[in-house]
C-alpha atoms as a PDB file:
ATOM      1  CA  MET A   1     149.521 107.452 126.393  1.00  0.00           C
ATOM      2  CA  SER A   2     149.458 103.490 125.158  1.00  0.00           C
ATOM      3  CA  VAL A   3     152.605 100.935 125.849  1.00  0.00           C
ATOM      4  CA  GLU A   4     153.335 100.695 122.415  1.00  0.00           C
ATOM      5  CA  VAL A   5     153.641 104.232 122.110  1.00  0.00           C
ATOM      6  CA  LEU A   6     156.068 104.426 125.087  1.00  0.00           C
ATOM      7  CA  LEU A   7     158.176 101.588 123.739  1.00  0.00           C
ATOM      8  CA  LEU A   8     158.546 103.313 120.930  1.00  0.00           C
ATOM      9  CA  ILE A   9     159.914 106.439 122.240  1.00  0.00           C
ATOM     10  CA  VAL A  10     162.756 104.174 124.259  1.00  0.00           C
ATOM     11  CA  LEU A  11     163.284 102.795 121.251  1.00  0.00           C
ATOM     12  CA  VAL A  12     163.908 106.045 119.430  1.00  0.00           C
ATOM     13  CA  GLY A  13     166.008 107.290 122.419  1.00  0.00           C
ATOM     14  CA  ILE A  14     168.072 104.064 122.286  1.00  0.00           C
ATOM     15  CA  THR A  15     168.689 104.418 118.766  1.00  0.00           C
ATOM     16  CA  LEU A  16     169.546 108.359 119.021  1.00  0.00           C
ATOM     17  CA  LEU A  17     171.976 107.277 122.112  1.00  0.00           C
ATOM     18  CA  GLY A  18     173.582 104.652 120.001  1.00  0.00           C
ATOM     19  CA  TYR A  19     174.514 107.231 117.235  1.00  0.00           C
ATOM     20  CA  MET A  20     175.411 109.769 119.753  1.00  0.00           C
ATOM     21  CA  ILE A  21     177.863 106.803 121.082  1.00  0.00           C
ATOM     22  CA  ALA A  22     179.353 106.289 117.109  1.00  0.00           C
ATOM     23  CA  ILE A  23     179.903 109.772 116.878  1.00  0.00           C
ATOM     24  CA  ASN A  24     182.129 109.903 119.653  1.00  0.00           C
ATOM     25  CA  SER A  25     184.041 106.771 118.878  1.00  0.00           C
ATOM     26  CA  ARG A  26     187.563 106.595 118.527  1.00  0.00           C
ATOM     27  CA  GLY A  27     189.351 104.051 116.386  1.00  0.00           C
ATOM     28  CA  PRO A  28     188.111 102.299 113.218  1.00  0.00           C
ATOM     29  CA  THR A  29     187.147  99.055 115.058  1.00  0.00           C
ATOM     30  CA  LYS A  30     185.096 101.157 117.858  1.00  0.00           C
ATOM     31  CA  LEU A  31     183.680 103.290 115.231  1.00  0.00           C
ATOM     32  CA  SER A  32     182.174 100.457 112.640  1.00  0.00           C
ATOM     33  CA  ILE A  33     180.840  98.427 115.145  1.00  0.00           C
ATOM     34  CA  SER A  34     179.241 101.725 117.001  1.00  0.00           C
ATOM     35  CA  TYR A  35     177.683 102.832 113.627  1.00  0.00           C
ATOM     36  CA  LEU A  36     176.573  98.842 112.941  1.00  0.00           C
ATOM     37  CA  LEU A  37     174.704  98.648 116.312  1.00  0.00           C
ATOM     38  CA  ALA A  38     173.342 102.349 115.796  1.00  0.00           C
ATOM     39  CA  THR A  39     172.201 101.465 112.064  1.00  0.00           C
ATOM     40  CA  CYS A  40     170.460  97.992 113.610  1.00  0.00           C
ATOM     41  CA  PHE A  41     168.509 100.110 116.067  1.00  0.00           C
ATOM     42  CA  LEU A  42     167.709 102.530 113.594  1.00  0.00           C
ATOM     43  CA  ILE A  43     166.346  99.583 111.342  1.00  0.00           C
ATOM     44  CA  GLY A  44     164.310  97.992 114.373  1.00  0.00           C
ATOM     45  CA  THR A  45     162.939 101.760 115.284  1.00  0.00           C
ATOM     46  CA  VAL A  46     161.881 102.089 111.584  1.00  0.00           C
ATOM     47  CA  TRP A  47     160.283  98.951 111.259  1.00  0.00           C
ATOM     48  CA  SER A  48     158.482  98.849 114.686  1.00  0.00           C
ATOM     49  CA  ILE A  49     156.997 102.289 113.478  1.00  0.00           C
ATOM     50  CA  VAL A  50     155.976 101.010 110.139  1.00  0.00           C
ATOM     51  CA  GLN A  51     154.242  97.935 111.980  1.00  0.00           C
ATOM     52  CA  TYR A  52     152.798 100.195 114.803  1.00  0.00           C
ATOM     53  CA  VAL A  53     151.459 102.643 111.877  1.00  0.00           C
ATOM     54  CA  SER A  54     150.211  99.705 109.909  1.00  0.00           C
ATOM     55  CA  SER A  55     148.481  98.002 112.880  1.00  0.00           C
ATOM     56  CA  GLY A  56     146.776 101.255 113.713  1.00  0.00           C
ATOM     57  CA  GLN A  57     145.416 101.387 110.157  1.00  0.00           C
ATOM     58  CA  ASN A  58     144.271  98.201 110.329  1.00  0.00           C
ATOM     59  CA  LYS A  59     142.226  98.401 112.985  1.00  0.00           C
ATOM     60  CA  GLU A  60     140.647 101.493 111.334  1.00  0.00           C
ATOM     61  CA  GLN A  61     139.952  99.391 108.381  1.00  0.00           C
ATOM     62  CA  GLN A  62     138.767  96.614 110.615  1.00  0.00           C
ATOM     63  CA  GLN A  63     136.387  99.065 112.668  1.00  0.00           C
ATOM     64  CA  GLU A  64     134.972 100.737 109.332  1.00  0.00           C
ATOM     65  CA  PHE A  65     134.208  97.286 107.780  1.00  0.00           C
ATOM     66  CA  LEU A  66     132.487  95.879 111.261  1.00  0.00           C
ATOM     67  CA  ARG A  67     130.316  99.351 110.712  1.00  0.00           C
ATOM     68  CA  LEU A  68     129.709  98.953 107.446  1.00  0.00           C
ATOM     69  CA  GLU A  69     128.496  95.157 108.245  1.00  0.00           C
ATOM     70  CA  ARG A  70     126.441  96.570 110.794  1.00  0.00           C
ATOM     71  CA  GLU A  71     124.721  98.776 108.661  1.00  0.00           C
ATOM     72  CA  LYS A  72     124.148  96.259 106.172  1.00  0.00           C
ATOM     73  CA  ARG A  73     122.501  94.039 108.423  1.00  0.00           C
ATOM     74  CA  GLU A  74     120.589  96.781 109.638  1.00  0.00           C
ATOM     75  CA  VAL A  75     119.126  97.589 106.214  1.00  0.00           C
ATOM     76  CA  GLU A  76     118.451  94.142 105.426  1.00  0.00           C
ATOM     77  CA  GLU A  77     116.667  93.646 108.436  1.00  0.00           C
ATOM     78  CA  ARG A  78     114.410  96.749 107.832  1.00  0.00           C
ATOM     79  CA  VAL A  79     113.852  95.558 104.214  1.00  0.00           C
ATOM     80  CA  ARG A  80     112.812  92.177 105.264  1.00  0.00           C
ATOM     81  CA  SER A  81     110.533  93.680 108.041  1.00  0.00           C
ATOM     82  CA  LYS A  82     108.922  95.663 105.328  1.00  0.00           C
ATOM     83  CA  GLU A  83     108.361  92.846 103.052  1.00  0.00           C
ATOM     84  CA  LEU A  84     106.847  90.270 105.892  1.00  0.00           C
ATOM     85  CA  SER A  85     104.782  93.618 106.805  1.00  0.00           C
ATOM     86  CA  LEU A  86     103.596  93.910 103.010  1.00  0.00           C
ATOM     87  CA  MET A  87     103.022  90.050 102.666  1.00  0.00           C
ATOM     88  CA  LYS A  88     101.226  90.377 106.166  1.00  0.00           C
ATOM     89  CA  SER A  89      98.816  93.263 104.470  1.00  0.00           C
ATOM     90  CA  LYS A  90      98.568  91.571 101.342  1.00  0.00           C
ATOM     91  CA  LYS A  91      97.184  88.199 103.308  1.00  0.00           C
ATOM     92  CA  LEU A  92      95.104  90.533 105.450  1.00  0.00           C
ATOM     93  CA  MET A  93      93.524  92.258 102.268  1.00  0.00           C
ATOM     94  CA  GLU A  94      92.730  89.148 100.438  1.00  0.00           C
ATOM     95  CA  ALA A  95      91.378  87.757 103.789  1.00  0.00           C
ATOM     96  CA  ALA A  96      89.050  90.771 104.110  1.00  0.00           C
ATOM     97  CA  ASN A  97      87.672  90.671 100.462  1.00  0.00           C
ATOM     98  CA  LYS A  98      86.640  87.544 101.326  1.00  0.00           C
ATOM     99  CA  ILE A  99      85.222  88.246 104.452  1.00  0.00           C
ATOM    100  CA  ASN A 100      83.555  91.374 102.942  1.00  0.00           C
ATOM    101  CA  SER A 101      81.769  89.361 100.181  1.00  0.00           C
ATOM    102  CA  VAL A 102      80.031  87.097 102.752  1.00  0.00           C
ATOM    103  CA  ILE A 103      79.138  90.447 104.851  1.00  0.00           C
ATOM    104  CA  ASN A 104      77.808  91.895 101.604  1.00  0.00           C
ATOM    105  CA  GLN A 105      75.629  89.080 100.530  1.00  0.00           C
ATOM    106  CA  GLY A 106      74.352  88.719 104.015  1.00  0.00           C
ATOM    107  CA  THR A 107      73.204  92.440 104.318  1.00  0.00           C
ATOM    108  CA  GLY A 108      71.511  92.272 100.813  1.00  0.00           C
ATOM    109  CA  TYR A 109      69.379  89.048 101.723  1.00  0.00           C
ATOM    110  CA  ALA A 110      68.483  90.644 105.476  1.00  0.00           C
ATOM    111  CA  SER A 111      68.107  93.720 103.445  1.00  0.00           C
ATOM    112  CA  ASN A 112      65.920  91.921 101.384  1.00  0.00           C
ATOM    113  CA  MET A 113      63.629  90.040 104.019  1.00  0.00           C
ATOM    114  CA  MET A 114      63.215  93.020 106.126  1.00  0.00           C
ATOM    115  CA  ASN A 115      61.161  94.675 102.776  1.00  0.00           C
ATOM    116  CA  ILE A 116      59.181  91.910 101.803  1.00  0.00           C
ATOM    117  CA  GLU A 117      55.379  92.855 101.004  1.00  0.00           C
ATOM    118  CA  PHE A 118      53.419  90.106 101.770  1.00  0.00           C
ATOM    119  CA  LYS A 119      50.602  91.870 100.776  1.00  0.00           C
ATOM    120  CA  ASP A 120      51.327  92.047  96.916  1.00  0.00           C
ATOM    121  CA  PHE A 121      47.936  90.204  95.811  1.00  0.00           C
ATOM    122  CA  SER A 122      49.613  90.687  92.462  1.00  0.00           C
ATOM    123  CA  VAL A 123      52.028  88.383  92.443  1.00  0.00           C
ATOM    124  CA  GLU A 124      50.479  84.426  92.844  1.00  0.00           C
ATOM    125  CA  LEU A 125      51.199  82.386  96.059  1.00  0.00           C
ATOM    126  CA  ASP A 126      53.412  79.932  94.223  1.00  0.00           C
ATOM    127  CA  VAL A 127      55.501  82.538  93.128  1.00  0.00           C
ATOM    128  CA  LEU A 128      55.989  84.070  97.097  1.00  0.00           C
ATOM    129  CA  MET A 129      56.487  80.355  98.266  1.00  0.00           C
ATOM    130  CA  GLY A 130      59.383  80.065  95.464  1.00  0.00           C
ATOM    131  CA  ARG A 131      61.242  83.111  96.221  1.00  0.00           C
ATOM    132  CA  ALA A 132      61.044  82.315 100.331  1.00  0.00           C
ATOM    133  CA  ASN A 133      62.263  78.858  99.051  1.00  0.00           C
ATOM    134  CA  VAL A 134      65.194  80.471  96.815  1.00  0.00           C
ATOM    135  CA  MET A 135      66.072  82.946  99.536  1.00  0.00           C
ATOM    136  CA  LYS A 136      65.989  80.088 102.155  1.00  0.00           C
ATOM    137  CA  THR A 137      68.521  78.319  99.428  1.00  0.00           C
ATOM    138  CA  LYS A 138      70.543  81.572  99.240  1.00  0.00           C
ATOM    139  CA  VAL A 139      71.317  81.707 103.283  1.00  0.00           C
ATOM    140  CA  THR A 140      71.839  78.230 103.533  1.00  0.00           C
ATOM    141  CA  THR A 141      74.822  78.293 100.529  1.00  0.00           C
ATOM    142  CA  LEU A 142      76.041  81.564 102.382  1.00  0.00           C
ATOM    143  CA  ILE A 143      76.867  79.861 105.612  1.00  0.00           C
ATOM    144  CA  GLU A 144      78.420  77.020 103.727  1.00  0.00           C
ATOM    145  CA  ASP A 145      80.433  79.551 101.694  1.00  0.00           C
ATOM    146  CA  TYR A 146      81.734  81.206 105.274  1.00  0.00           C
ATOM    147  CA  SER A 147      81.964  77.750 106.779  1.00  0.00           C
ATOM    148  CA  LYS A 148      85.134  77.448 104.219  1.00  0.00           C
ATOM    149  CA  LEU A 149      86.777  80.366 105.370  1.00  0.00           C
ATOM    150  CA  ASN A 150      88.404  79.143 108.731  1.00  0.00           C
ATOM    151  CA  LYS A 151      91.932  80.830 107.672  1.00  0.00           C
ATOM    152  CA  GLU A 152      90.276  84.264 107.002  1.00  0.00           C
ATOM    153  CA  SER A 153      88.254  84.120 109.868  1.00  0.00           C
ATOM    154  CA  GLU A 154      91.064  83.886 112.030  1.00  0.00           C
ATOM    155  CA  LEU A 155      92.559  86.907 111.236  1.00  0.00           C
ATOM    156  CA  PHE A 156      89.240  88.812 112.069  1.00  0.00           C
ATOM    157  CA  PRO A 157      88.598  86.831 115.503  1.00  0.00           C
ATOM    158  CA  GLU A 158      86.100  89.890 116.488  1.00  0.00           C
ATOM    159  CA  SER A 159      84.063  90.176 113.320  1.00  0.00           C
ATOM    160  CA  ALA A 160      84.278  86.666 113.023  1.00  0.00           C
ATOM    161  CA  ALA A 161      81.931  85.965 116.137  1.00  0.00           C
ATOM    162  CA  THR A 162      79.848  89.004 114.978  1.00  0.00           C
ATOM    163  CA  ILE A 163      79.340  87.453 111.386  1.00  0.00           C
ATOM    164  CA  THR A 164      78.248  84.155 112.962  1.00  0.00           C
ATOM    165  CA  ASP A 165      75.967  85.391 114.953  1.00  0.00           C
ATOM    166  CA  ALA A 166      74.519  87.415 111.905  1.00  0.00           C
ATOM    167  CA  LEU A 167      74.432  84.377 109.757  1.00  0.00           C
ATOM    168  CA  ASN A 168      72.091  82.650 112.691  1.00  0.00           C
ATOM    169  CA  GLU A 169      69.674  85.357 112.484  1.00  0.00           C
ATOM    170  CA  LEU A 170      69.540  85.383 108.871  1.00  0.00           C
ATOM    171  CA  SER A 171      68.739  81.499 108.785  1.00  0.00           C
ATOM    172  CA  GLU A 172      66.215  82.140 111.240  1.00  0.00           C
ATOM    173  CA  ALA A 173      64.796  85.072 109.375  1.00  0.00           C
ATOM    174  CA  ALA A 174      64.713  82.907 106.091  1.00  0.00           C
ATOM    175  CA  LYS A 175      62.881  79.952 108.408  1.00  0.00           C
ATOM    176  CA  TYR A 176      60.123  82.430 108.947  1.00  0.00           C
ATOM    177  CA  TYR A 177      59.896  83.356 105.951  1.00  0.00           C
ATOM    178  CA  ASN A 178      58.779  80.201 104.583  1.00  0.00           C
ATOM    179  CA  LEU A 179      56.801  79.527 107.407  1.00  0.00           C
ATOM    180  CA  TYR A 180      54.840  82.339 106.894  1.00  0.00           C
ATOM    181  CA  PHE A 181      53.343  80.779 103.672  1.00  0.00           C
ATOM    182  CA  ARG A 182      52.289  77.818 106.050  1.00  0.00           C
ATOM    183  CA  SER A 183      50.118  79.679 108.634  1.00  0.00           C
ATOM    184  CA  GLU A 184      47.131  78.432 109.803  1.00  0.00           C
ATOM    185  CA  ASP A 185      45.591  81.874 110.231  1.00  0.00           C
ATOM    186  CA  THR A 186      46.239  85.174 110.798  1.00  0.00           C
ATOM    187  CA  ALA A 187      47.359  85.638 114.145  1.00  0.00           C
ATOM    188  CA  GLN A 188      50.116  83.007 112.896  1.00  0.00           C
ATOM    189  CA  GLU A 189      50.903  85.186 109.817  1.00  0.00           C
ATOM    190  CA  GLU A 190      51.259  87.953 111.656  1.00  0.00           C
ATOM    191  CA  LEU A 191      53.599  86.522 114.684  1.00  0.00           C
ATOM    192  CA  ARG A 192      55.972  84.878 111.742  1.00  0.00           C
ATOM    193  CA  GLU A 193      55.689  88.034 109.980  1.00  0.00           C
ATOM    194  CA  ARG A 194      56.946  90.035 112.927  1.00  0.00           C
ATOM    195  CA  LEU A 195      59.813  87.297 114.053  1.00  0.00           C
ATOM    196  CA  LEU A 196      61.297  87.729 110.307  1.00  0.00           C
ATOM    197  CA  ARG A 197      61.407  91.258 110.413  1.00  0.00           C
ATOM    198  CA  GLN A 198      63.090  91.146 113.734  1.00  0.00           C
ATOM    199  CA  LYS A 199      65.440  88.831 112.834  1.00  0.00           C
ATOM    200  CA  SER A 200      66.227  90.033 109.357  1.00  0.00           C
ATOM    201  CA  ARG A 201      66.750  93.481 111.308  1.00  0.00           C
ATOM    202  CA  LYS A 202      69.197  92.073 114.012  1.00  0.00           C
ATOM    203  CA  ALA A 203      71.077  90.149 111.273  1.00  0.00           C
ATOM    204  CA  TYR A 204      71.361  93.525 108.874  1.00  0.00           C
ATOM    205  CA  ASP A 205      72.679  95.189 112.197  1.00  0.00           C
ATOM    206  CA  LEU A 206      74.954  92.523 112.853  1.00  0.00           C
ATOM    207  CA  PHE A 207      76.492  92.533 109.426  1.00  0.00           C
ATOM    208  CA  LYS A 208      77.016  96.428 109.637  1.00  0.00           C
ATOM    209  CA  LYS A 209      78.971  95.813 112.968  1.00  0.00           C
ATOM    210  CA  ALA A 210      81.299  93.237 111.421  1.00  0.00           C
ATOM    211  CA  SER A 211      81.841  95.343 108.429  1.00  0.00           C
ATOM    212  CA  SER A 212      83.013  98.099 110.591  1.00  0.00           C
ATOM    213  CA  GLN A 213      85.228  95.791 112.414  1.00  0.00           C
ATOM    214  CA  VAL A 214      86.610  94.269 109.636  1.00  0.00           C
ATOM    215  CA  ALA A 215      87.676  97.841 108.370  1.00  0.00           C
ATOM    216  CA  SER A 216      89.225  98.979 111.529  1.00  0.00           C
ATOM    217  CA  THR A 217      91.503  95.970 111.924  1.00  0.00           C
ATOM    218  CA  LEU A 218      92.708  96.798 108.403  1.00  0.00           C
END
């Protein structure tokens, strides 16, 4: 039992005692004074009880208000967390699209060089050399495009390292593609063709690996 309740009980007891004294009083003066004092005690008791009840209600209201405020903050925090998560996911997807664009182009170039037919005598040498130069230009442009994706690459550090290795192998493959047509003998042709196939194959495998790494990050 709280101190406030004990004080109210004491106050009620004093009030009742006051009325008992007033009832047993003799003479108009004593009777008037006794009832006056008892009434003052009654007013004070009623006022104290009302204040106690109001105080209890205020505490309940305050606790309810605090609970609602806490729930509101929790809901706002969840909403904010979800919004941040969606923004991060959107940013990640946009970066992944740009990275995958490089990977897809690189995979295509690597596949093209892996399957070049050098013994196609129906095509003139100038045309074949032109194709090699075009491929070299495409690979160079792809490397330059990827170098501009610094922020995107930071979101995919594992795949970024793999793509860099793949582009290096692709660049080497394009170099041997061009050198093939400048070979001085058959042995040099065979060596450069073999290196071209090896480099383009390695680049192809690395691009596939990078694609899987990007997918696993999402």
